[in-house]
Amino acid sequence: MPEELENEPELNPLIRHVWEWFCELNQARNTGGMALSPISYQDIKAWSDMTGTKIMPWEVTALRRIDAAFIQSINLAKG
C-alpha cells in the first residue's frame, strides 16, 4: 500500500457516511466511452430509493463535489 494511504487522516465521523456513499455510487458508475461519466442526480435518487437511504440536500451537494474532484484527479493523472 502506498505510504500516502497508510498515513491518511481519519474522516470526521459526522461526514464519513458521505464518503462511504460516494464509494458505493462510484462502484456502480457508468462510463461514457473514454471518460468517466459524472454521478448524476438520477443515479443518486435511484441509489437512495433502492437502499432506503434518506439523503439531505447538503449531502447530495457533497457527493457531487466529491465526484467532481474525483473525476478531475483521474483526468489529471491521465495527463
N, C-alpha and C. Protein backbone atom coordinates (compact mmCIF):
# COMPACT_ATOMS: atom_id res chain seq x y z
N MET A 1 0.86 -1.18 0.00
CA MET A 1 0.00 0.00 0.00
C MET A 1 0.90 1.23 0.00
N PRO A 2 0.55 2.24 -0.83
CA PRO A 2 1.36 3.47 -0.85
C PRO A 2 1.37 4.15 0.51
N GLU A 3 2.49 4.79 0.81
CA GLU A 3 2.65 5.47 2.10
C GLU A 3 1.56 6.52 2.33
N GLU A 4 1.14 7.21 1.24
CA GLU A 4 0.10 8.25 1.37
C GLU A 4 -1.20 7.66 1.93
N LEU A 5 -1.50 6.42 1.53
CA LEU A 5 -2.73 5.80 2.00
C LEU A 5 -2.59 5.25 3.41
N GLU A 6 -1.39 4.82 3.76
CA GLU A 6 -1.16 4.30 5.11
C GLU A 6 -1.27 5.40 6.15
N ASN A 7 -0.96 6.63 5.79
CA ASN A 7 -0.96 7.74 6.74
C ASN A 7 -2.12 8.71 6.51
N GLU A 8 -3.17 8.25 5.87
CA GLU A 8 -4.27 9.16 5.60
C GLU A 8 -4.99 9.55 6.89
N PRO A 9 -5.47 10.78 6.96
CA PRO A 9 -6.16 11.23 8.17
C PRO A 9 -7.52 10.55 8.32
N GLU A 10 -8.00 10.49 9.54
CA GLU A 10 -9.32 9.96 9.82
C GLU A 10 -10.37 10.94 9.31
N LEU A 11 -11.43 10.42 8.73
CA LEU A 11 -12.53 11.28 8.33
C LEU A 11 -13.36 11.65 9.55
N ASN A 12 -13.86 12.86 9.55
CA ASN A 12 -14.76 13.31 10.60
C ASN A 12 -15.97 12.37 10.63
N PRO A 13 -16.31 11.82 11.78
CA PRO A 13 -17.45 10.90 11.85
C PRO A 13 -18.77 11.51 11.38
N LEU A 14 -18.88 12.84 11.44
CA LEU A 14 -20.12 13.49 11.01
C LEU A 14 -20.30 13.47 9.49
N ILE A 15 -19.22 13.27 8.74
CA ILE A 15 -19.32 13.26 7.27
C ILE A 15 -18.81 11.96 6.65
N ARG A 16 -18.34 11.04 7.46
CA ARG A 16 -17.80 9.79 6.95
C ARG A 16 -18.82 9.06 6.06
N HIS A 17 -20.09 9.11 6.43
CA HIS A 17 -21.13 8.41 5.67
C HIS A 17 -21.20 8.92 4.22
N VAL A 18 -20.94 10.20 4.01
CA VAL A 18 -21.00 10.75 2.64
C VAL A 18 -19.89 10.11 1.79
N TRP A 19 -18.71 9.96 2.36
CA TRP A 19 -17.61 9.30 1.64
C TRP A 19 -17.98 7.84 1.34
N GLU A 20 -18.57 7.15 2.30
CA GLU A 20 -18.96 5.76 2.10
C GLU A 20 -20.03 5.65 1.01
N TRP A 21 -20.98 6.61 0.99
CA TRP A 21 -21.98 6.63 -0.07
C TRP A 21 -21.33 6.86 -1.42
N PHE A 22 -20.37 7.81 -1.47
CA PHE A 22 -19.67 8.05 -2.73
C PHE A 22 -18.99 6.78 -3.21
N CYS A 23 -18.35 6.04 -2.33
CA CYS A 23 -17.67 4.80 -2.73
C CYS A 23 -18.66 3.80 -3.31
N GLU A 24 -19.85 3.69 -2.73
CA GLU A 24 -20.89 2.81 -3.26
C GLU A 24 -21.33 3.25 -4.66
N LEU A 25 -21.62 4.54 -4.78
CA LEU A 25 -22.07 5.07 -6.07
C LEU A 25 -20.98 4.96 -7.13
N ASN A 26 -19.75 5.17 -6.74
CA ASN A 26 -18.63 5.09 -7.68
C ASN A 26 -18.48 3.69 -8.25
N GLN A 27 -18.74 2.68 -7.45
CA GLN A 27 -18.62 1.30 -7.92
C GLN A 27 -19.66 0.97 -8.99
N ALA A 28 -20.77 1.68 -8.99
CA ALA A 28 -21.84 1.42 -9.95
C ALA A 28 -21.85 2.44 -11.09
N ARG A 29 -20.80 3.22 -11.20
CA ARG A 29 -20.73 4.31 -12.17
C ARG A 29 -20.78 3.81 -13.61
N ASN A 30 -21.48 4.56 -14.45
CA ASN A 30 -21.46 4.30 -15.89
C ASN A 30 -20.25 5.00 -16.49
N THR A 31 -19.67 4.38 -17.48
CA THR A 31 -18.58 5.04 -18.19
C THR A 31 -19.12 5.55 -19.52
N GLY A 32 -18.69 6.73 -19.90
CA GLY A 32 -19.14 7.34 -21.14
C GLY A 32 -18.08 7.20 -22.22
N GLY A 33 -17.86 6.00 -22.68
CA GLY A 33 -16.84 5.78 -23.71
C GLY A 33 -15.45 5.83 -23.11
N MET A 34 -14.71 6.89 -23.42
CA MET A 34 -13.33 7.01 -22.98
C MET A 34 -13.19 7.70 -21.63
N ALA A 35 -14.24 8.35 -21.18
CA ALA A 35 -14.15 9.13 -19.94
C ALA A 35 -15.20 8.66 -18.94
N LEU A 36 -14.97 8.97 -17.68
CA LEU A 36 -15.95 8.66 -16.64
C LEU A 36 -17.12 9.62 -16.75
N SER A 37 -18.31 9.09 -16.60
CA SER A 37 -19.49 9.93 -16.54
C SER A 37 -19.70 10.37 -15.09
N PRO A 38 -20.06 11.63 -14.88
CA PRO A 38 -20.35 12.06 -13.51
C PRO A 38 -21.52 11.28 -12.92
N ILE A 39 -21.52 11.14 -11.61
CA ILE A 39 -22.67 10.55 -10.93
C ILE A 39 -23.79 11.58 -11.02
N SER A 40 -24.91 11.18 -11.60
CA SER A 40 -26.00 12.12 -11.85
C SER A 40 -26.96 12.18 -10.66
N TYR A 41 -27.81 13.21 -10.70
CA TYR A 41 -28.86 13.30 -9.70
C TYR A 41 -29.76 12.07 -9.77
N GLN A 42 -30.01 11.58 -10.99
CA GLN A 42 -30.83 10.39 -11.16
C GLN A 42 -30.17 9.17 -10.52
N ASP A 43 -28.84 9.06 -10.68
CA ASP A 43 -28.10 7.96 -10.04
C ASP A 43 -28.25 8.01 -8.52
N ILE A 44 -28.10 9.21 -7.98
CA ILE A 44 -28.20 9.39 -6.53
C ILE A 44 -29.62 9.06 -6.05
N LYS A 45 -30.62 9.53 -6.78
CA LYS A 45 -32.02 9.27 -6.42
C LYS A 45 -32.31 7.78 -6.48
N ALA A 46 -31.89 7.12 -7.55
CA ALA A 46 -32.13 5.67 -7.68
C ALA A 46 -31.45 4.91 -6.55
N TRP A 47 -30.19 5.27 -6.25
CA TRP A 47 -29.45 4.62 -5.17
C TRP A 47 -30.17 4.83 -3.84
N SER A 48 -30.61 6.08 -3.59
CA SER A 48 -31.31 6.41 -2.36
C SER A 48 -32.60 5.60 -2.23
N ASP A 49 -33.37 5.52 -3.32
CA ASP A 49 -34.63 4.77 -3.31
C ASP A 49 -34.38 3.27 -3.09
N MET A 50 -33.39 2.73 -3.80
CA MET A 50 -33.12 1.29 -3.73
C MET A 50 -32.56 0.86 -2.37
N THR A 51 -31.80 1.72 -1.74
CA THR A 51 -31.20 1.36 -0.46
C THR A 51 -32.01 1.84 0.73
N GLY A 52 -33.04 2.66 0.48
CA GLY A 52 -33.83 3.21 1.57
C GLY A 52 -33.08 4.25 2.38
N THR A 53 -32.08 4.86 1.75
CA THR A 53 -31.26 5.85 2.42
C THR A 53 -31.89 7.23 2.29
N LYS A 54 -32.15 7.86 3.41
CA LYS A 54 -32.64 9.24 3.40
C LYS A 54 -31.44 10.14 3.20
N ILE A 55 -31.51 11.01 2.20
CA ILE A 55 -30.38 11.86 1.88
C ILE A 55 -30.82 13.32 1.88
N MET A 56 -30.04 14.14 2.55
CA MET A 56 -30.33 15.56 2.68
C MET A 56 -29.71 16.33 1.51
N PRO A 57 -30.27 17.50 1.17
CA PRO A 57 -29.71 18.29 0.06
C PRO A 57 -28.22 18.58 0.21
N TRP A 58 -27.74 18.87 1.41
CA TRP A 58 -26.32 19.17 1.58
C TRP A 58 -25.46 17.93 1.28
N GLU A 59 -26.02 16.75 1.55
CA GLU A 59 -25.28 15.51 1.27
C GLU A 59 -25.20 15.26 -0.24
N VAL A 60 -26.27 15.60 -0.97
CA VAL A 60 -26.23 15.49 -2.43
C VAL A 60 -25.16 16.43 -2.98
N THR A 61 -25.14 17.65 -2.48
CA THR A 61 -24.12 18.62 -2.91
C THR A 61 -22.72 18.09 -2.61
N ALA A 62 -22.53 17.53 -1.43
CA ALA A 62 -21.22 16.99 -1.06
C ALA A 62 -20.83 15.84 -1.98
N LEU A 63 -21.77 14.94 -2.26
CA LEU A 63 -21.48 13.83 -3.17
C LEU A 63 -21.06 14.33 -4.55
N ARG A 64 -21.76 15.31 -5.06
CA ARG A 64 -21.45 15.84 -6.40
C ARG A 64 -20.08 16.53 -6.40
N ARG A 65 -19.74 17.22 -5.32
CA ARG A 65 -18.43 17.88 -5.24
C ARG A 65 -17.30 16.86 -5.12
N ILE A 66 -17.52 15.83 -4.32
CA ILE A 66 -16.52 14.75 -4.23
C ILE A 66 -16.33 14.11 -5.60
N ASP A 67 -17.43 13.86 -6.28
CA ASP A 67 -17.36 13.24 -7.60
C ASP A 67 -16.61 14.12 -8.60
N ALA A 68 -16.88 15.41 -8.58
CA ALA A 68 -16.18 16.33 -9.50
C ALA A 68 -14.68 16.32 -9.22
N ALA A 69 -14.31 16.32 -7.95
CA ALA A 69 -12.88 16.28 -7.59
C ALA A 69 -12.26 14.95 -8.01
N PHE A 70 -13.00 13.86 -7.85
CA PHE A 70 -12.52 12.54 -8.25
C PHE A 70 -12.26 12.49 -9.75
N ILE A 71 -13.22 12.95 -10.53
CA ILE A 71 -13.07 12.95 -11.99
C ILE A 71 -11.91 13.84 -12.40
N GLN A 72 -11.78 15.00 -11.78
CA GLN A 72 -10.68 15.89 -12.10
C GLN A 72 -9.34 15.23 -11.80
N SER A 73 -9.24 14.53 -10.68
CA SER A 73 -7.96 13.88 -10.34
C SER A 73 -7.64 12.75 -11.33
N ILE A 74 -8.66 12.03 -11.78
CA ILE A 74 -8.44 10.98 -12.79
C ILE A 74 -7.95 11.60 -14.09
N ASN A 75 -8.57 12.69 -14.50
CA ASN A 75 -8.18 13.36 -15.74
C ASN A 75 -6.76 13.92 -15.66
N LEU A 76 -6.39 14.48 -14.50
CA LEU A 76 -5.04 14.99 -14.32
C LEU A 76 -4.01 13.85 -14.35
N ALA A 77 -4.38 12.72 -13.78
CA ALA A 77 -3.46 11.58 -13.76
C ALA A 77 -3.22 11.03 -15.17
N LYS A 78 -4.24 11.14 -16.03
CA LYS A 78 -4.10 10.68 -17.41
C LYS A 78 -3.18 11.60 -18.21
N GLY A 79 -3.08 12.84 -17.75
CA GLY A 79 -2.18 13.80 -18.40
C GLY A 79 -2.79 14.46 -19.53
